[in-house]
Amino acid sequence: MIVDLELRLSAELSAESEDALREIVRFDEYASQRLCSTTELAPMSSILLRSESAASSQIENLTVGTLDRFPERTRRGRR
């Protein structure tokens, strides 16, 4: 099982991960200041997951444009 595996990172990768974490925290603080502290952002993990998913779909050419998704609407608009 995955839970039983031990994760071993190189010193370089560990340092890069820490740098990324600091940047995410910095972004979070900046966004909170810009959007006011009463505005809640989606958890960063959700934002990153959606971004990765969208990028992966584009790389694999699985994206569908608006014209392809709703052809009946676009045809009506062109008449």
N, C-alpha and C. Protein backbone atom coordinates (compact mmCIF):
# COMPACT_ATOMS: atom_id res chain seq x y z
N MET A 1 0.83 -1.18 0.00
CA MET A 1 0.00 0.00 0.00
C MET A 1 0.88 1.25 0.00
N ILE A 2 0.34 2.30 -0.56
CA ILE A 2 1.08 3.56 -0.63
C ILE A 2 1.42 4.07 0.76
N VAL A 3 0.51 3.92 1.68
CA VAL A 3 0.73 4.45 3.03
C VAL A 3 1.96 3.81 3.69
N ASP A 4 2.32 2.63 3.27
CA ASP A 4 3.46 1.93 3.86
C ASP A 4 4.79 2.30 3.22
N LEU A 5 4.75 3.01 2.10
CA LEU A 5 5.98 3.39 1.41
C LEU A 5 6.65 4.56 2.10
N GLU A 6 7.97 4.57 2.04
CA GLU A 6 8.74 5.67 2.61
C GLU A 6 9.19 6.59 1.47
N LEU A 7 8.89 7.86 1.60
CA LEU A 7 9.24 8.85 0.58
C LEU A 7 10.63 9.39 0.88
N ARG A 8 11.50 9.26 -0.09
CA ARG A 8 12.86 9.78 0.06
C ARG A 8 13.11 10.81 -1.04
N LEU A 9 13.39 12.03 -0.62
CA LEU A 9 13.67 13.10 -1.56
C LEU A 9 15.14 13.47 -1.49
N SER A 10 15.70 13.84 -2.63
CA SER A 10 17.07 14.33 -2.62
C SER A 10 17.09 15.68 -1.91
N ALA A 11 18.25 16.09 -1.46
CA ALA A 11 18.38 17.37 -0.77
C ALA A 11 17.95 18.51 -1.70
N GLU A 12 18.29 18.41 -2.97
CA GLU A 12 17.93 19.45 -3.94
C GLU A 12 16.41 19.55 -4.11
N LEU A 13 15.75 18.40 -4.29
CA LEU A 13 14.30 18.39 -4.46
C LEU A 13 13.60 18.86 -3.20
N SER A 14 14.12 18.48 -2.05
CA SER A 14 13.55 18.92 -0.79
C SER A 14 13.64 20.44 -0.65
N ALA A 15 14.78 21.00 -1.02
CA ALA A 15 14.97 22.45 -0.97
C ALA A 15 14.01 23.16 -1.93
N GLU A 16 13.85 22.60 -3.14
CA GLU A 16 12.93 23.19 -4.11
C GLU A 16 11.48 23.13 -3.60
N SER A 17 11.13 22.05 -2.95
CA SER A 17 9.78 21.92 -2.38
C SER A 17 9.54 22.97 -1.31
N GLU A 18 10.53 23.19 -0.47
CA GLU A 18 10.41 24.21 0.56
C GLU A 18 10.28 25.60 -0.06
N ASP A 19 11.03 25.86 -1.11
CA ASP A 19 10.92 27.15 -1.81
C ASP A 19 9.52 27.33 -2.38
N ALA A 20 8.98 26.27 -2.99
CA ALA A 20 7.64 26.34 -3.56
C ALA A 20 6.60 26.59 -2.47
N LEU A 21 6.75 25.93 -1.34
CA LEU A 21 5.83 26.13 -0.22
C LEU A 21 5.87 27.58 0.26
N ARG A 22 7.05 28.15 0.37
CA ARG A 22 7.17 29.55 0.79
C ARG A 22 6.50 30.48 -0.21
N GLU A 23 6.65 30.20 -1.51
CA GLU A 23 6.02 31.03 -2.53
C GLU A 23 4.49 30.92 -2.47
N ILE A 24 3.97 29.73 -2.20
CA ILE A 24 2.52 29.57 -2.09
C ILE A 24 2.00 30.35 -0.90
N VAL A 25 2.71 30.29 0.23
CA VAL A 25 2.31 31.05 1.42
C VAL A 25 2.36 32.54 1.12
N ARG A 26 3.41 32.98 0.43
CA ARG A 26 3.54 34.40 0.07
C ARG A 26 2.40 34.83 -0.84
N PHE A 27 2.06 34.00 -1.83
CA PHE A 27 0.95 34.30 -2.72
C PHE A 27 -0.36 34.38 -1.95
N ASP A 28 -0.57 33.44 -1.04
CA ASP A 28 -1.78 33.41 -0.22
C ASP A 28 -1.92 34.70 0.58
N GLU A 29 -0.82 35.15 1.19
CA GLU A 29 -0.85 36.39 1.97
C GLU A 29 -1.13 37.58 1.07
N TYR A 30 -0.50 37.63 -0.09
CA TYR A 30 -0.70 38.72 -1.04
C TYR A 30 -2.16 38.77 -1.49
N ALA A 31 -2.70 37.60 -1.87
CA ALA A 31 -4.08 37.55 -2.34
C ALA A 31 -5.05 37.95 -1.24
N SER A 32 -4.77 37.55 -0.02
CA SER A 32 -5.64 37.92 1.10
C SER A 32 -5.64 39.44 1.31
N GLN A 33 -4.48 40.06 1.16
CA GLN A 33 -4.39 41.51 1.32
C GLN A 33 -5.12 42.22 0.18
N ARG A 34 -4.93 41.73 -1.05
CA ARG A 34 -5.55 42.37 -2.21
C ARG A 34 -7.06 42.18 -2.25
N LEU A 35 -7.53 41.02 -1.79
CA LEU A 35 -8.95 40.70 -1.86
C LEU A 35 -9.68 40.94 -0.54
N CYS A 36 -8.98 41.47 0.42
CA CYS A 36 -9.51 41.70 1.77
C CYS A 36 -9.52 40.39 2.55
N SER A 37 -9.34 40.50 3.81
CA SER A 37 -9.23 39.31 4.64
C SER A 37 -10.56 38.58 4.79
N THR A 38 -11.67 39.23 4.42
CA THR A 38 -12.98 38.56 4.54
C THR A 38 -13.26 37.64 3.36
N THR A 39 -12.50 37.78 2.28
CA THR A 39 -12.70 36.94 1.10
C THR A 39 -11.88 35.68 1.26
N GLU A 40 -12.54 34.54 1.12
CA GLU A 40 -11.82 33.28 1.23
C GLU A 40 -11.50 32.77 -0.16
N LEU A 41 -10.26 32.39 -0.34
CA LEU A 41 -9.86 31.78 -1.60
C LEU A 41 -10.08 30.28 -1.49
N ALA A 42 -10.22 29.64 -2.62
CA ALA A 42 -10.29 28.19 -2.60
C ALA A 42 -8.96 27.67 -2.06
N PRO A 43 -8.98 26.54 -1.39
CA PRO A 43 -7.71 25.99 -0.91
C PRO A 43 -6.74 25.85 -2.08
N MET A 44 -5.49 26.19 -1.83
CA MET A 44 -4.49 26.18 -2.89
C MET A 44 -4.39 24.81 -3.55
N SER A 45 -4.56 23.75 -2.79
CA SER A 45 -4.46 22.41 -3.39
C SER A 45 -5.53 22.22 -4.46
N SER A 46 -6.72 22.77 -4.25
CA SER A 46 -7.79 22.66 -5.25
C SER A 46 -7.44 23.45 -6.50
N ILE A 47 -6.90 24.64 -6.31
CA ILE A 47 -6.51 25.48 -7.45
C ILE A 47 -5.43 24.77 -8.26
N LEU A 48 -4.43 24.23 -7.58
CA LEU A 48 -3.34 23.56 -8.28
C LEU A 48 -3.83 22.31 -9.00
N LEU A 49 -4.73 21.56 -8.37
CA LEU A 49 -5.26 20.36 -9.01
C LEU A 49 -6.03 20.71 -10.27
N ARG A 50 -6.85 21.75 -10.21
CA ARG A 50 -7.61 22.16 -11.40
C ARG A 50 -6.67 22.65 -12.50
N SER A 51 -5.64 23.40 -12.12
CA SER A 51 -4.69 23.90 -13.10
C SER A 51 -3.95 22.76 -13.78
N GLU A 52 -3.52 21.78 -12.97
CA GLU A 52 -2.80 20.64 -13.51
C GLU A 52 -3.70 19.84 -14.43
N SER A 53 -4.93 19.67 -14.03
CA SER A 53 -5.89 18.90 -14.83
C SER A 53 -6.14 19.58 -16.18
N ALA A 54 -6.33 20.88 -16.15
CA ALA A 54 -6.56 21.63 -17.39
C ALA A 54 -5.33 21.57 -18.30
N ALA A 55 -4.16 21.74 -17.72
CA ALA A 55 -2.92 21.70 -18.52
C ALA A 55 -2.72 20.32 -19.12
N SER A 56 -2.96 19.29 -18.34
CA SER A 56 -2.82 17.92 -18.82
C SER A 56 -3.77 17.64 -19.98
N SER A 57 -4.99 18.11 -19.86
CA SER A 57 -5.97 17.92 -20.93
C SER A 57 -5.54 18.62 -22.21
N GLN A 58 -4.99 19.81 -22.08
CA GLN A 58 -4.53 20.54 -23.26
C GLN A 58 -3.36 19.82 -23.91
N ILE A 59 -2.44 19.31 -23.09
CA ILE A 59 -1.28 18.59 -23.63
C ILE A 59 -1.74 17.36 -24.40
N GLU A 60 -2.74 16.68 -23.89
CA GLU A 60 -3.23 15.46 -24.53
C GLU A 60 -4.31 15.74 -25.58
N ASN A 61 -4.52 17.01 -25.91
CA ASN A 61 -5.51 17.43 -26.90
C ASN A 61 -6.92 16.93 -26.56
N LEU A 62 -7.26 16.99 -25.29
CA LEU A 62 -8.58 16.55 -24.85
C LEU A 62 -9.51 17.72 -24.56
N THR A 63 -9.08 18.93 -24.87
CA THR A 63 -9.90 20.10 -24.59
C THR A 63 -10.92 20.29 -25.71
N VAL A 64 -12.04 20.85 -25.34
CA VAL A 64 -13.10 21.12 -26.29
C VAL A 64 -13.41 22.61 -26.23
N GLY A 65 -13.38 23.25 -27.36
CA GLY A 65 -13.69 24.67 -27.41
C GLY A 65 -15.19 24.91 -27.33
N THR A 66 -15.57 26.13 -27.07
CA THR A 66 -16.98 26.49 -26.96
C THR A 66 -17.73 26.19 -28.25
N LEU A 67 -17.13 26.47 -29.39
CA LEU A 67 -17.79 26.22 -30.67
C LEU A 67 -18.07 24.74 -30.87
N ASP A 68 -17.17 23.89 -30.42
CA ASP A 68 -17.36 22.45 -30.56
C ASP A 68 -18.34 21.91 -29.53
N ARG A 69 -18.36 22.50 -28.37
CA ARG A 69 -19.20 22.01 -27.28
C ARG A 69 -20.68 22.33 -27.51
N PHE A 70 -20.96 23.48 -28.07
CA PHE A 70 -22.35 23.90 -28.29
C PHE A 70 -22.56 24.29 -29.76
N PRO A 71 -22.43 23.34 -30.67
CA PRO A 71 -22.52 23.70 -32.09
C PRO A 71 -23.88 24.26 -32.49
N GLU A 72 -24.97 23.78 -31.87
CA GLU A 72 -26.30 24.29 -32.24
C GLU A 72 -26.44 25.76 -31.90
N ARG A 73 -25.84 26.18 -30.82
CA ARG A 73 -25.92 27.60 -30.44
C ARG A 73 -25.07 28.46 -31.36
N THR A 74 -23.91 27.98 -31.73
CA THR A 74 -23.04 28.78 -32.59
C THR A 74 -23.59 28.86 -34.00
N ARG A 75 -24.25 27.81 -34.47
CA ARG A 75 -24.86 27.87 -35.81
C ARG A 75 -25.99 28.88 -35.84
N ARG A 76 -26.81 28.90 -34.77
CA ARG A 76 -27.91 29.87 -34.71
C ARG A 76 -27.38 31.29 -34.72
N GLY A 77 -26.27 31.49 -34.02
CA GLY A 77 -25.70 32.84 -33.93
C GLY A 77 -25.11 33.32 -35.23
N ARG A 78 -24.75 32.42 -36.13
CA ARG A 78 -24.11 32.78 -37.39
C ARG A 78 -25.11 33.06 -38.52
N ARG A 79 -26.33 32.70 -38.33
CA ARG A 79 -27.33 32.89 -39.40
C ARG A 79 -27.68 34.31 -39.61
